[in-house]
Protein backbone atom coordinates (compact mmCIF):
# COMPACT_ATOMS: atom_id res chain seq x y z
CA MET A 1 -5.30 2.43 -6.81
CA THR A 2 -5.12 6.16 -7.37
CA ARG A 3 -7.77 7.27 -4.88
CA ASN A 4 -8.19 6.97 -1.11
CA SER A 5 -10.30 4.04 0.02
CA PRO A 6 -10.68 4.31 3.81
CA ASN A 7 -13.27 1.50 3.93
CA LEU A 8 -10.89 -1.07 2.41
CA VAL A 9 -10.00 -3.47 5.24
CA ALA A 10 -8.61 -6.34 3.16
CA PRO A 11 -7.00 -6.69 -0.25
CA PRO A 12 -9.10 -7.71 -3.26
CA VAL A 13 -9.62 -11.45 -3.73
CA GLY A 14 -6.48 -13.07 -5.11
CA PHE A 15 -4.12 -10.38 -3.79
CA HIS A 16 -2.05 -9.94 -0.60
CA SER A 17 -1.55 -6.17 -0.71
CA VAL A 18 -2.68 -2.94 -2.37
CA LEU A 19 -0.44 -0.47 -4.20
CA GLY A 20 -1.43 3.19 -4.20
CA GLU A 21 0.10 5.42 -6.86
CA PRO A 22 -0.77 9.11 -7.16
CA ASP A 23 -1.80 10.64 -10.46
CA ALA A 24 -3.07 14.06 -11.54
CA SER A 25 -6.75 13.19 -11.06
CA GLY A 26 -6.42 11.01 -7.94
CA THR A 27 -6.49 11.89 -4.26
CA LEU A 28 -3.26 10.19 -3.16
CA ASN A 29 -0.29 12.44 -2.40
CA TYR A 30 2.47 9.80 -2.38
CA ASP A 31 3.20 6.16 -3.27
CA GLU A 32 2.19 3.64 -0.64
CA LEU A 33 2.00 -0.12 -0.30
CA VAL A 34 -0.52 -1.56 2.16
CA VAL A 35 0.16 -5.11 3.37
CA TYR A 36 -2.56 -6.71 5.47
CA ASP A 37 -0.54 -9.63 6.90
CA ASN A 38 2.36 -8.79 9.25
CA ASN A 39 4.07 -12.06 8.29
CA ALA A 40 4.34 -10.85 4.69
CA ILE A 41 6.53 -7.87 5.62
CA ARG A 42 10.25 -8.38 5.16
CA PRO A 43 12.79 -5.61 5.73
CA ALA A 44 15.11 -5.12 2.78
CA TYR A 45 17.60 -2.66 4.29
CA LEU A 46 18.82 -1.46 7.66
CA ILE A 47 20.04 2.11 7.73
CA ILE A 48 21.99 3.23 10.79
CA TYR A 49 23.02 6.86 11.34
């Protein structure tokens, strides 16, 4: 997706998440990945300062 979709409450059929990528004509300001199932989230790194 390249535009905001505030009414989207679930991913499209056949998908588990939605990827938002900004482009010149879209309304997104930064890359984002929306995952709708907490069990599908896996941390890849732990950064400690």
